[in-house]
C-alpha atoms as a PDB file:
ATOM      1  CA  MET A   1     -61.947 -30.682 -67.596  1.00  0.00           C
ATOM      2  CA  LYS A   2     -60.072 -28.745 -70.537  1.00  0.00           C
ATOM      3  CA  GLY A   3     -61.437 -25.404 -69.071  1.00  0.00           C
ATOM      4  CA  GLY A   4     -60.639 -26.623 -65.802  1.00  0.00           C
ATOM      5  CA  ILE A   5     -57.068 -26.950 -66.829  1.00  0.00           C
ATOM      6  CA  ILE A   6     -56.888 -23.616 -68.507  1.00  0.00           C
ATOM      7  CA  ALA A   7     -58.141 -21.592 -65.297  1.00  0.00           C
ATOM      8  CA  LEU A   8     -55.593 -23.717 -63.043  1.00  0.00           C
ATOM      9  CA  ILE A   9     -52.979 -22.360 -65.410  1.00  0.00           C
ATOM     10  CA  VAL A  10     -53.923 -18.666 -65.591  1.00  0.00           C
ATOM     11  CA  VAL A  11     -54.277 -18.677 -61.610  1.00  0.00           C
ATOM     12  CA  VAL A  12     -50.739 -20.343 -60.807  1.00  0.00           C
ATOM     13  CA  VAL A  13     -49.554 -17.570 -63.866  1.00  0.00           C
ATOM     14  CA  ALA A  14     -51.263 -14.856 -61.991  1.00  0.00           C
ATOM     15  CA  LEU A  15     -49.899 -16.080 -59.001  1.00  0.00           C
ATOM     16  CA  ILE A  16     -46.451 -16.133 -60.553  1.00  0.00           C
ATOM     17  CA  LEU A  17     -46.749 -12.807 -61.836  1.00  0.00           C
ATOM     18  CA  ALA A  18     -47.948 -11.169 -58.277  1.00  0.00           C
ATOM     19  CA  VAL A  19     -44.883 -12.620 -56.529  1.00  0.00           C
ATOM     20  CA  SER A  20     -42.547 -11.434 -59.142  1.00  0.00           C
ATOM     21  CA  SER A  21     -44.194  -8.115 -59.370  1.00  0.00           C
ATOM     22  CA  THR A  22     -43.929  -7.015 -55.063  1.00  0.00           C
ATOM     23  CA  TYR A  23     -41.439  -6.885 -52.914  1.00  0.00           C
ATOM     24  CA  THR A  24     -41.184  -5.624 -48.964  1.00  0.00           C
ATOM     25  CA  VAL A  25     -38.788  -3.201 -47.664  1.00  0.00           C
ATOM     26  CA  GLY A  26     -38.392  -3.828 -43.847  1.00  0.00           C
ATOM     27  CA  GLN A  27     -37.726  -1.143 -41.408  1.00  0.00           C
ATOM     28  CA  ALA A  28     -33.866  -1.990 -41.074  1.00  0.00           C
ATOM     29  CA  GLU A  29     -33.701  -1.811 -45.309  1.00  0.00           C
ATOM     30  CA  GLN A  30     -33.390   0.286 -47.963  1.00  0.00           C
ATOM     31  CA  VAL A  31     -33.494  -1.344 -51.047  1.00  0.00           C
ATOM     32  CA  LEU A  32     -31.593  -0.725 -54.924  1.00  0.00           C
ATOM     33  CA  VAL A  33     -34.053  -1.854 -57.547  1.00  0.00           C
ATOM     34  CA  LEU A  34     -32.258  -2.626 -60.741  1.00  0.00           C
ATOM     35  CA  ARG A  35     -33.449  -3.187 -64.529  1.00  0.00           C
ATOM     36  CA  PHE A  36     -31.131  -5.330 -66.027  1.00  0.00           C
ATOM     37  CA  GLY A  37     -28.444  -3.922 -64.229  1.00  0.00           C
ATOM     38  CA  ASN A  38     -29.055  -0.909 -64.361  1.00  0.00           C
ATOM     39  CA  PRO A  39     -30.167   1.493 -61.328  1.00  0.00           C
ATOM     40  CA  ILE A  40     -33.716   2.732 -61.581  1.00  0.00           C
ATOM     41  CA  ARG A  41     -34.642   4.269 -58.286  1.00  0.00           C
ATOM     42  CA  ILE A  42     -33.595   3.685 -54.208  1.00  0.00           C
ATOM     43  CA  VAL A  43     -36.657   3.214 -51.985  1.00  0.00           C
ATOM     44  CA  ARG A  44     -36.221   3.725 -48.706  1.00  0.00           C
ATOM     45  CA  GLU A  45     -39.963   4.107 -47.331  1.00  0.00           C
ATOM     46  CA  PRO A  46     -40.555  -0.230 -45.655  1.00  0.00           C
ATOM     47  CA  GLY A  47     -43.744  -1.677 -46.918  1.00  0.00           C
ATOM     48  CA  LEU A  48     -44.892  -3.871 -49.857  1.00  0.00           C
ATOM     49  CA  LYS A  49     -43.872  -2.232 -53.028  1.00  0.00           C
ATOM     50  CA  PHE A  50     -44.204  -3.289 -56.748  1.00  0.00           C
ATOM     51  CA  LYS A  51     -41.516  -4.174 -59.441  1.00  0.00           C
ATOM     52  CA  ALA A  52     -41.915  -5.089 -63.113  1.00  0.00           C
ATOM     53  CA  PRO A  53     -42.061  -8.787 -62.911  1.00  0.00           C
ATOM     54  CA  PHE A  54     -39.164 -10.857 -64.162  1.00  0.00           C
ATOM     55  CA  VAL A  55     -36.713  -8.035 -65.046  1.00  0.00           C
ATOM     56  CA  ASP A  56     -36.469  -5.930 -62.241  1.00  0.00           C
ATOM     57  CA  THR A  57     -33.968  -7.020 -59.260  1.00  0.00           C
ATOM     58  CA  VAL A  58     -34.380  -6.130 -55.957  1.00  0.00           C
ATOM     59  CA  ILE A  59     -31.204  -5.769 -53.999  1.00  0.00           C
ATOM     60  CA  ALA A  60     -31.721  -5.166 -49.725  1.00  0.00           C
ATOM     61  CA  ILE A  61     -28.793  -3.044 -47.950  1.00  0.00           C
ATOM     62  CA  ASP A  62     -28.880  -2.499 -44.653  1.00  0.00           C
ATOM     63  CA  LYS A  63     -29.306   1.326 -43.463  1.00  0.00           C
ATOM     64  CA  ARG A  64     -28.552   0.381 -39.616  1.00  0.00           C
ATOM     65  CA  ILE A  65     -25.539   1.321 -37.956  1.00  0.00           C
ATOM     66  CA  LEU A  66     -22.668  -1.785 -38.791  1.00  0.00           C
ATOM     67  CA  ALA A  67     -19.519  -2.260 -36.863  1.00  0.00           C
ATOM     68  CA  LEU A  68     -16.239  -2.815 -38.020  1.00  0.00           C
ATOM     69  CA  ASP A  69     -13.889  -4.333 -35.449  1.00  0.00           C
ATOM     70  CA  LEU A  70      -9.995  -3.939 -36.538  1.00  0.00           C
ATOM     71  CA  PRO A  71      -7.461  -6.444 -35.059  1.00  0.00           C
ATOM     72  CA  ALA A  72      -4.574  -5.430 -31.886  1.00  0.00           C
ATOM     73  CA  GLN A  73      -2.077  -3.364 -34.129  1.00  0.00           C
ATOM     74  CA  GLU A  74       1.755  -2.245 -33.171  1.00  0.00           C
ATOM     75  CA  VAL A  75       1.740   1.906 -34.087  1.00  0.00           C
ATOM     76  CA  ILE A  76       5.179   3.369 -33.269  1.00  0.00           C
ATOM     77  CA  ALA A  77       4.048   7.306 -31.718  1.00  0.00           C
ATOM     78  CA  SER A  78       6.373  10.668 -32.801  1.00  0.00           C
ATOM     79  CA  ASP A  79       8.654   9.967 -29.832  1.00  0.00           C
ATOM     80  CA  GLN A  80       9.411   6.679 -31.017  1.00  0.00           C
ATOM     81  CA  LYS A  81       7.858   4.264 -27.992  1.00  0.00           C
ATOM     82  CA  ARG A  82       5.671   1.299 -29.600  1.00  0.00           C
ATOM     83  CA  LEU A  83       2.297   1.467 -28.985  1.00  0.00           C
ATOM     84  CA  VAL A  84      -0.059  -1.874 -29.130  1.00  0.00           C
ATOM     85  CA  VAL A  85      -3.767  -0.283 -30.559  1.00  0.00           C
ATOM     86  CA  ASP A  86      -7.230  -1.797 -30.454  1.00  0.00           C
ATOM     87  CA  ALA A  87      -9.430   0.122 -32.426  1.00  0.00           C
ATOM     88  CA  PHE A  88     -12.960   0.058 -33.704  1.00  0.00           C
ATOM     89  CA  ALA A  89     -15.339   2.331 -35.794  1.00  0.00           C
ATOM     90  CA  ARG A  90     -19.538   2.342 -36.794  1.00  0.00           C
ATOM     91  CA  TYR A  91     -20.547   3.377 -39.565  1.00  0.00           C
ATOM     92  CA  ARG A  92     -23.623   3.639 -42.353  1.00  0.00           C
ATOM     93  CA  VAL A  93     -25.085   3.305 -45.665  1.00  0.00           C
ATOM     94  CA  THR A  94     -25.832   6.845 -46.892  1.00  0.00           C
ATOM     95  CA  ASP A  95     -25.674   6.086 -50.355  1.00  0.00           C
ATOM     96  CA  PRO A  96     -26.651   2.405 -51.698  1.00  0.00           C
ATOM     97  CA  LEU A  97     -25.798   3.181 -55.249  1.00  0.00           C
ATOM     98  CA  ARG A  98     -22.738   4.173 -54.846  1.00  0.00           C
ATOM     99  CA  PHE A  99     -22.369   1.492 -52.192  1.00  0.00           C
ATOM    100  CA  TYR A 100     -23.379  -1.234 -54.327  1.00  0.00           C
ATOM    101  CA  GLN A 101     -21.143  -0.347 -57.721  1.00  0.00           C
ATOM    102  CA  SER A 102     -17.732   0.649 -55.125  1.00  0.00           C
ATOM    103  CA  VAL A 103     -18.253  -2.161 -52.595  1.00  0.00           C
ATOM    104  CA  GLY A 104     -21.294  -4.537 -53.480  1.00  0.00           C
ATOM    105  CA  SER A 105     -21.323  -5.886 -50.125  1.00  0.00           C
ATOM    106  CA  VAL A 106     -20.807  -5.670 -45.987  1.00  0.00           C
ATOM    107  CA  GLU A 107     -18.290  -7.647 -46.273  1.00  0.00           C
ATOM    108  CA  GLY A 108     -16.559  -5.435 -49.025  1.00  0.00           C
ATOM    109  CA  ALA A 109     -17.009  -2.584 -47.025  1.00  0.00           C
ATOM    110  CA  ASN A 110     -15.659  -3.779 -44.066  1.00  0.00           C
ATOM    111  CA  ASN A 111     -12.621  -4.783 -46.348  1.00  0.00           C
ATOM    112  CA  ARG A 112     -12.329  -1.433 -47.422  1.00  0.00           C
ATOM    113  CA  LEU A 113     -12.907   0.365 -44.604  1.00  0.00           C
ATOM    114  CA  ALA A 114     -10.518  -1.431 -41.841  1.00  0.00           C
ATOM    115  CA  THR A 115      -7.458  -0.286 -44.944  1.00  0.00           C
ATOM    116  CA  PHE A 116      -8.939   3.485 -44.535  1.00  0.00           C
ATOM    117  CA  LEU A 117      -9.254   2.999 -40.724  1.00  0.00           C
ATOM    118  CA  ASN A 118      -5.308   1.352 -40.288  1.00  0.00           C
ATOM    119  CA  SER A 119      -3.725   4.124 -42.888  1.00  0.00           C
ATOM    120  CA  SER A 120      -5.425   6.804 -40.534  1.00  0.00           C
ATOM    121  CA  LEU A 121      -4.758   4.976 -37.644  1.00  0.00           C
ATOM    122  CA  ARG A 122      -0.833   5.012 -38.051  1.00  0.00           C
ATOM    123  CA  ARG A 123      -0.992   8.244 -39.818  1.00  0.00           C
ATOM    124  CA  VAL A 124      -2.486  10.381 -36.828  1.00  0.00           C
ATOM    125  CA  LEU A 125      -0.885   8.218 -33.476  1.00  0.00           C
ATOM    126  CA  GLY A 126       2.925   8.845 -35.540  1.00  0.00           C
ATOM    127  CA  ASP A 127       2.600  12.212 -35.271  1.00  0.00           C
ATOM    128  CA  SER A 128       1.159  12.318 -31.483  1.00  0.00           C
ATOM    129  CA  SER A 129       3.410  11.314 -28.283  1.00  0.00           C
ATOM    130  CA  PHE A 130       3.150   8.383 -25.761  1.00  0.00           C
ATOM    131  CA  LEU A 131       1.231  10.805 -23.539  1.00  0.00           C
ATOM    132  CA  ASP A 132      -1.102  12.330 -26.191  1.00  0.00           C
ATOM    133  CA  VAL A 133      -2.563   8.705 -27.272  1.00  0.00           C
ATOM    134  CA  VAL A 134      -2.507   7.498 -23.803  1.00  0.00           C
ATOM    135  CA  ARG A 135      -4.363  10.425 -21.690  1.00  0.00           C
ATOM    136  CA  ASN A 136      -3.874  13.628 -22.938  1.00  0.00           C
ATOM    137  CA  LYS A 137      -5.542  13.817 -26.631  1.00  0.00           C
ATOM    138  CA  ARG A 138      -7.392  10.740 -26.961  1.00  0.00           C
ATOM    139  CA  GLN A 139     -10.434  12.268 -28.037  1.00  0.00           C
ATOM    140  CA  GLN A 140      -9.034  14.655 -30.541  1.00  0.00           C
ATOM    141  CA  LEU A 141      -7.088  11.967 -31.801  1.00  0.00           C
ATOM    142  CA  MET A 142      -9.734   9.702 -32.321  1.00  0.00           C
ATOM    143  CA  GLU A 143     -12.042  12.794 -33.978  1.00  0.00           C
ATOM    144  CA  ARG A 144      -9.201  13.666 -36.101  1.00  0.00           C
ATOM    145  CA  ILE A 145      -8.937   9.518 -37.401  1.00  0.00           C
ATOM    146  CA  ARG A 146     -13.013   9.605 -37.962  1.00  0.00           C
ATOM    147  CA  ASP A 147     -12.470  12.625 -40.533  1.00  0.00           C
ATOM    148  CA  LEU A 148      -9.855  11.103 -42.200  1.00  0.00           C
ATOM    149  CA  VAL A 149     -11.309   7.688 -42.584  1.00  0.00           C
ATOM    150  CA  ASN A 150     -14.702   9.527 -43.690  1.00  0.00           C
ATOM    151  CA  THR A 151     -12.784  11.746 -46.574  1.00  0.00           C
ATOM    152  CA  GLN A 152     -12.156   8.232 -48.151  1.00  0.00           C
ATOM    153  CA  ALA A 153     -15.361   6.723 -46.691  1.00  0.00           C
ATOM    154  CA  ASN A 154     -17.700   8.936 -48.761  1.00  0.00           C
ATOM    155  CA  SER A 155     -16.602   7.538 -52.375  1.00  0.00           C
ATOM    156  CA  LEU A 156     -17.538   4.003 -51.160  1.00  0.00           C
ATOM    157  CA  GLY A 157     -20.947   5.632 -50.050  1.00  0.00           C
ATOM    158  CA  ILE A 158     -20.704   4.633 -46.433  1.00  0.00           C
ATOM    159  CA  GLN A 159     -20.509   7.635 -43.735  1.00  0.00           C
ATOM    160  CA  VAL A 160     -18.537   7.089 -40.295  1.00  0.00           C
ATOM    161  CA  VAL A 161     -20.123   7.924 -37.481  1.00  0.00           C
ATOM    162  CA  ASP A 162     -17.561   6.890 -34.692  1.00  0.00           C
ATOM    163  CA  VAL A 163     -14.160   5.695 -34.409  1.00  0.00           C
ATOM    164  CA  ARG A 164     -12.295   4.106 -30.871  1.00  0.00           C
ATOM    165  CA  ILE A 165      -9.487   3.477 -29.517  1.00  0.00           C
ATOM    166  CA  ARG A 166     -10.300   0.573 -27.360  1.00  0.00           C
ATOM    167  CA  ARG A 167      -7.142  -0.071 -25.671  1.00  0.00           C
ATOM    168  CA  ALA A 168      -3.462   1.544 -26.328  1.00  0.00           C
ATOM    169  CA  ASP A 169      -1.025  -0.257 -24.472  1.00  0.00           C
ATOM    170  CA  LEU A 170       2.619  -0.503 -24.347  1.00  0.00           C
ATOM    171  CA  PRO A 171       4.360  -4.399 -25.837  1.00  0.00           C
ATOM    172  CA  GLU A 172       3.936  -7.141 -23.190  1.00  0.00           C
ATOM    173  CA  THR A 173       7.911  -6.798 -23.315  1.00  0.00           C
ATOM    174  CA  ASN A 174       8.135  -3.324 -23.091  1.00  0.00           C
ATOM    175  CA  SER A 175       5.120  -3.634 -20.195  1.00  0.00           C
ATOM    176  CA  GLU A 176       7.211  -5.790 -18.522  1.00  0.00           C
ATOM    177  CA  ALA A 177      10.163  -3.821 -17.915  1.00  0.00           C
ATOM    178  CA  ILE A 178       8.359  -0.884 -16.821  1.00  0.00           C
ATOM    179  CA  TYR A 179       6.643  -2.902 -13.915  1.00  0.00           C
ATOM    180  CA  ARG A 180      10.321  -4.165 -13.163  1.00  0.00           C
ATOM    181  CA  ARG A 181      11.422  -0.851 -13.190  1.00  0.00           C
ATOM    182  CA  MET A 182       8.774   0.748 -11.252  1.00  0.00           C
ATOM    183  CA  GLN A 183       9.251  -2.549  -8.673  1.00  0.00           C
ATOM    184  CA  THR A 184      13.236  -1.297  -7.965  1.00  0.00           C
ATOM    185  CA  GLU A 185      11.889   1.898  -7.205  1.00  0.00           C
ATOM    186  CA  ARG A 186       9.430   1.245  -5.056  1.00  0.00           C
ATOM    187  CA  GLN A 187      11.897  -1.551  -3.345  1.00  0.00           C
ATOM    188  CA  ARG A 188      14.760   1.559  -3.868  1.00  0.00           C
ATOM    189  CA  ALA A 189      11.886   4.227  -1.771  1.00  0.00           C
ATOM    190  CA  ALA A 190      10.816   1.008   0.796  1.00  0.00           C
ATOM    191  CA  ALA A 191      14.588   0.182   1.909  1.00  0.00           C
ATOM    192  CA  GLN A 192      15.521   4.334   2.228  1.00  0.00           C
ATOM    193  CA  LEU A 193      12.467   4.258   4.330  1.00  0.00           C
ATOM    194  CA  ARG A 194      13.532   1.735   6.362  1.00  0.00           C
ATOM    195  CA  ALA A 195      16.728   3.370   6.760  1.00  0.00           C
ATOM    196  CA  GLU A 196      15.475   6.679   8.154  1.00  0.00           C
ATOM    197  CA  GLY A 197      13.010   4.907  10.556  1.00  0.00           C
ATOM    198  CA  GLY A 198      15.886   2.253  11.921  1.00  0.00           C
ATOM    199  CA  GLU A 199      17.871   5.801  12.096  1.00  0.00           C
ATOM    200  CA  ALA A 200      14.976   8.262  13.871  1.00  0.00           C
ATOM    201  CA  ALA A 201      14.849   4.227  16.258  1.00  0.00           C
ATOM    202  CA  GLN A 202      18.275   4.691  17.018  1.00  0.00           C
ATOM    203  CA  ARG A 203      17.881   8.759  17.532  1.00  0.00           C
ATOM    204  CA  ILE A 204      15.445   8.261  19.733  1.00  0.00           C
ATOM    205  CA  ARG A 205      16.591   5.302  21.393  1.00  0.00           C
ATOM    206  CA  ALA A 206      19.988   6.715  22.472  1.00  0.00           C
ATOM    207  CA  ASP A 207      18.336   9.989  23.548  1.00  0.00           C
ATOM    208  CA  ALA A 208      15.839   8.167  26.186  1.00  0.00           C
ATOM    209  CA  ASP A 209      18.957   6.009  27.220  1.00  0.00           C
ATOM    210  CA  ARG A 210      20.358   9.201  27.982  1.00  0.00           C
ATOM    211  CA  GLN A 211      17.635  10.610  29.760  1.00  0.00           C
ATOM    212  CA  ALA A 212      17.218   7.418  31.916  1.00  0.00           C
ATOM    213  CA  THR A 213      20.854   7.526  32.602  1.00  0.00           C
ATOM    214  CA  VAL A 214      20.665  11.455  33.697  1.00  0.00           C
ATOM    215  CA  ILE A 215      17.512  10.338  35.204  1.00  0.00           C
ATOM    216  CA  VAL A 216      19.464   7.744  37.953  1.00  0.00           C
ATOM    217  CA  ALA A 217      22.351  10.012  38.303  1.00  0.00           C
ATOM    218  CA  ASP A 218      20.237  12.852  39.954  1.00  0.00           C
ATOM    219  CA  ALA A 219      18.157  10.342  41.593  1.00  0.00           C
ATOM    220  CA  THR A 220      21.175   8.722  42.980  1.00  0.00           C
ATOM    221  CA  ARG A 221      22.827  12.109  43.853  1.00  0.00           C
ATOM    222  CA  ASP A 222      19.268  13.069  45.743  1.00  0.00           C
ATOM    223  CA  ALA A 223      19.633   9.711  47.411  1.00  0.00           C
ATOM    224  CA  GLU A 224      22.747   9.862  48.791  1.00  0.00           C
ATOM    225  CA  LYS A 225      22.054  13.745  49.796  1.00  0.00           C
ATOM    226  CA  LEU A 226      19.021  12.502  50.960  1.00  0.00           C
ATOM    227  CA  ARG A 227      20.829   9.923  53.345  1.00  0.00           C
ATOM    228  CA  GLY A 228      23.882  12.264  54.258  1.00  0.00           C
ATOM    229  CA  GLN A 229      21.164  14.314  55.907  1.00  0.00           C
ATOM    230  CA  GLY A 230      19.616  11.904  57.322  1.00  0.00           C
ATOM    231  CA  ASP A 231      22.559  10.186  58.635  1.00  0.00           C
ATOM    232  CA  ALA A 232      23.961  13.705  60.245  1.00  0.00           C
ATOM    233  CA  LYS A 233      20.532  14.073  61.663  1.00  0.00           C
ATOM    234  CA  ARG A 234      20.718  11.055  63.367  1.00  0.00           C
ATOM    235  CA  ASN A 235      23.950  11.395  64.588  1.00  0.00           C
ATOM    236  CA  GLY A 236      23.063  14.710  65.899  1.00  0.00           C
ATOM    237  CA  ILE A 237      20.074  12.929  68.044  1.00  0.00           C
ATOM    238  CA  TYR A 238      22.669  10.803  69.160  1.00  0.00           C
ATOM    239  CA  ALA A 239      24.753  13.248  70.230  1.00  0.00           C
ATOM    240  CA  ALA A 240      22.377  14.986  71.643  1.00  0.00           C
ATOM    241  CA  ALA A 241      21.529  12.000  73.768  1.00  0.00           C
ATOM    242  CA  TYR A 242      25.016  11.401  75.443  1.00  0.00           C
ATOM    243  CA  ASN A 243      25.311  15.089  76.145  1.00  0.00           C
ATOM    244  CA  ARG A 244      21.733  14.560  77.810  1.00  0.00           C
ATOM    245  CA  ASP A 245      22.752  11.473  80.014  1.00  0.00           C
ATOM    246  CA  PRO A 246      25.651   9.911  78.887  1.00  0.00           C
ATOM    247  CA  GLU A 247      26.099   6.820  81.269  1.00  0.00           C
ATOM    248  CA  PHE A 248      22.581   5.806  79.950  1.00  0.00           C
ATOM    249  CA  PHE A 249      23.988   6.348  76.811  1.00  0.00           C
ATOM    250  CA  ASP A 250      26.938   4.021  77.378  1.00  0.00           C
ATOM    251  CA  PHE A 251      24.505   1.048  78.841  1.00  0.00           C
ATOM    252  CA  TYR A 252      22.561   1.500  75.775  1.00  0.00           C
ATOM    253  CA  ARG A 253      25.395   0.979  73.208  1.00  0.00           C
ATOM    254  CA  SER A 254      26.806  -1.349  75.568  1.00  0.00           C
ATOM    255  CA  LEU A 255      23.660  -4.213  75.209  1.00  0.00           C
ATOM    256  CA  GLN A 256      23.382  -3.574  71.423  1.00  0.00           C
ATOM    257  CA  ALA A 257      27.535  -4.736  71.908  1.00  0.00           C
ATOM    258  CA  TYR A 258      26.222  -7.623  73.656  1.00  0.00           C
ATOM    259  CA  GLU A 259      23.786  -8.477  71.469  1.00  0.00           C
ATOM    260  CA  THR A 260      25.887  -8.044  68.230  1.00  0.00           C
ATOM    261  CA  ALA A 261      28.573  -9.942  70.012  1.00  0.00           C
ATOM    262  CA  PHE A 262      26.384 -13.192  71.229  1.00  0.00           C
ATOM    263  CA  LYS A 263      24.138 -13.343  68.223  1.00  0.00           C
ATOM    264  CA  GLY A 264      24.356 -17.289  67.354  1.00  0.00           C
ATOM    265  CA  SER A 265      24.432 -20.538  68.917  1.00  0.00           C
ATOM    266  CA  ASN A 266      28.062 -20.957  68.406  1.00  0.00           C
ATOM    267  CA  THR A 267      30.139 -17.341  69.134  1.00  0.00           C
ATOM    268  CA  ARG A 268      32.912 -17.206  70.863  1.00  0.00           C
ATOM    269  CA  LEU A 269      35.093 -14.345  73.049  1.00  0.00           C
ATOM    270  CA  VAL A 270      38.893 -14.338  73.380  1.00  0.00           C
ATOM    271  CA  LEU A 271      38.696 -11.656  75.949  1.00  0.00           C
ATOM    272  CA  SER A 272      40.257 -11.300  79.687  1.00  0.00           C
ATOM    273  CA  PRO A 273      38.221 -11.213  82.277  1.00  0.00           C
ATOM    274  CA  ASN A 274      38.946  -7.620  83.285  1.00  0.00           C
ATOM    275  CA  SER A 275      38.568  -6.235  79.684  1.00  0.00           C
ATOM    276  CA  PRO A 276      36.025  -2.880  79.599  1.00  0.00           C
ATOM    277  CA  PHE A 277      33.512  -5.041  77.256  1.00  0.00           C
ATOM    278  CA  PHE A 278      32.047  -6.905  80.274  1.00  0.00           C
ATOM    279  CA  ARG A 279      32.024  -3.237  82.174  1.00  0.00           C
ATOM    280  CA  TYR A 280      27.931  -3.931  82.262  1.00  0.00           C
ATOM    281  CA  PHE A 281      27.678  -7.315  82.114  1.00  0.00           C
ATOM    282  CA  ASN A 282      29.310  -7.382  85.276  1.00  0.00           C
ATOM    283  CA  GLY A 283      27.555  -5.156  86.912  1.00  0.00           C
ATOM    284  CA  PRO A 284      23.833  -2.896  85.962  1.00  0.00           C
ATOM    285  CA  MET A 285      25.655   0.490  87.034  1.00  0.00           C
ATOM    286  CA  GLY A 286      28.728  -0.871  84.954  1.00  0.00           C
ATOM    287  CA  THR A 287      30.441  -1.031  88.030  1.00  0.00           C
ATOM    288  CA  GLY A 288      32.175  -4.379  87.908  1.00  0.00           C
ATOM    289  CA  THR A 289      35.839  -5.687  88.849  1.00  0.00           C
ATOM    290  CA  VAL A 290      37.422  -3.518  86.135  1.00  0.00           C
ATOM    291  CA  GLY A 291      38.696  -0.618  87.101  1.00  0.00           C
ATOM    292  CA  GLU A 292      39.836   0.194  83.770  1.00  0.00           C
ATOM    293  CA  ALA A 293      36.287   1.004  83.145  1.00  0.00           C
ATOM    294  CA  GLN A 294      36.020   3.658  84.835  1.00  0.00           C
ATOM    295  CA  ALA A 295      38.954   5.414  83.076  1.00  0.00           C
ATOM    296  CA  ALA A 296      38.994   7.571  80.249  1.00  0.00           C
ATOM    297  CA  PRO A 297      35.580   7.175  78.007  1.00  0.00           C
ATOM    298  CA  GLN A 298      35.334   5.335  75.632  1.00  0.00           C
ATOM    299  CA  ALA A 299      33.464   4.774  72.253  1.00  0.00           C
ATOM    300  CA  PRO A 300      30.727   2.360  74.168  1.00  0.00           C
ATOM    301  CA  GLY A 301      30.983  -1.309  73.093  1.00  0.00           C
ATOM    302  CA  LEU A 302      34.333  -1.434  72.278  1.00  0.00           C
ATOM    303  CA  PRO A 303      37.282  -2.805  73.913  1.00  0.00           C
ATOM    304  CA  SER A 304      39.986  -0.407  75.234  1.00  0.00           C
ATOM    305  CA  LYS A 305      43.378   0.141  74.258  1.00  0.00           C
ATOM    306  CA  GLY A 306      44.508  -2.961  77.123  1.00  0.00           C
ATOM    307  CA  ALA A 307      42.636  -5.689  75.740  1.00  0.00           C
ATOM    308  CA  ALA A 308      43.688  -5.764  71.691  1.00  0.00           C
ATOM    309  CA  ALA A 309      46.087  -8.650  72.894  1.00  0.00           C
ATOM    310  CA  PRO A 310      44.020 -10.436  75.407  1.00  0.00           C
ATOM    311  CA  ALA A 311      45.871 -13.371  75.115  1.00  0.00           C
ATOM    312  CA  ALA A 312      49.424 -11.699  76.352  1.00  0.00           C
ATOM    313  CA  ALA A 313      47.047 -10.241  79.892  1.00  0.00           C
ATOM    314  CA  GLY A 314      45.314 -13.348  80.887  1.00  0.00           C
ATOM    315  CA  SER A 315      42.635 -14.801  78.544  1.00  0.00           C
ATOM    316  CA  GLY A 316      38.831 -15.713  79.417  1.00  0.00           C
ATOM    317  CA  VAL A 317      37.023 -17.858  77.297  1.00  0.00           C
ATOM    318  CA  ALA A 318      32.556 -16.409  76.944  1.00  0.00           C
ATOM    319  CA  LYS A 319      30.177 -18.969  75.748  1.00  0.00           C
END
């Protein structure tokens, strides 16, 4: 019984010694071994390692690339323009001993690096113009900031891998003013284009109206000319026909006069029965009772001067 208790105690002590004398280094870790608070070695190879039990302390430090994000801050460029800059950095621990002695932890390293990055950011961007930061030399500026931060971070056992400016914009008030100015400029340009378009439209419309007036005037002139030529040709045909058979022409014109005069249902003519108008009405050959019908020639179908006042010579009514 007593021997079993002693054996159990020995086993427990052996287990405690075994556990306290071994430690494991992960793939993403590097280990700093301290003895009574003093560093004795740095272990970077992963695996199971041994240390002096109870007197050695193991501190694991991440050896991967770590991230540091800065809050957006306002920076004044060399041309006195304000910028809201959002930047971040990526770094790794290269000297665990110096890292442990200077900052002690990742949180402490982030605080120190944030101070270095802020000062370097303001220094570099303050010496650069707005266009250089936004467009022209952004890559070169980020490299300069990284080199400046690295110079200060080496004393902490840290290497800054990269520094990036995620966003560099004007402050919101400045952006709104610029947007309003751009909008006003676009509206002015649009109004100018509309005015120029209206002017061109008026010019085209006036030219079209002028051309239409000229075309109508030319067409009217040509139509009147053709109409005059047609009337002349018609009169020539009439004259030729009259000269060929004057008596038939008189008869034809008289019939036309009768048709025109007696058109309608309520036509009244107050004429003398001996009027030349009835020359062919009283006889088919123009040999009516009127002796005046054979007098001097006159326009066919028209009354002679002696019939101008039929009421004085005696009147007859024809319907």
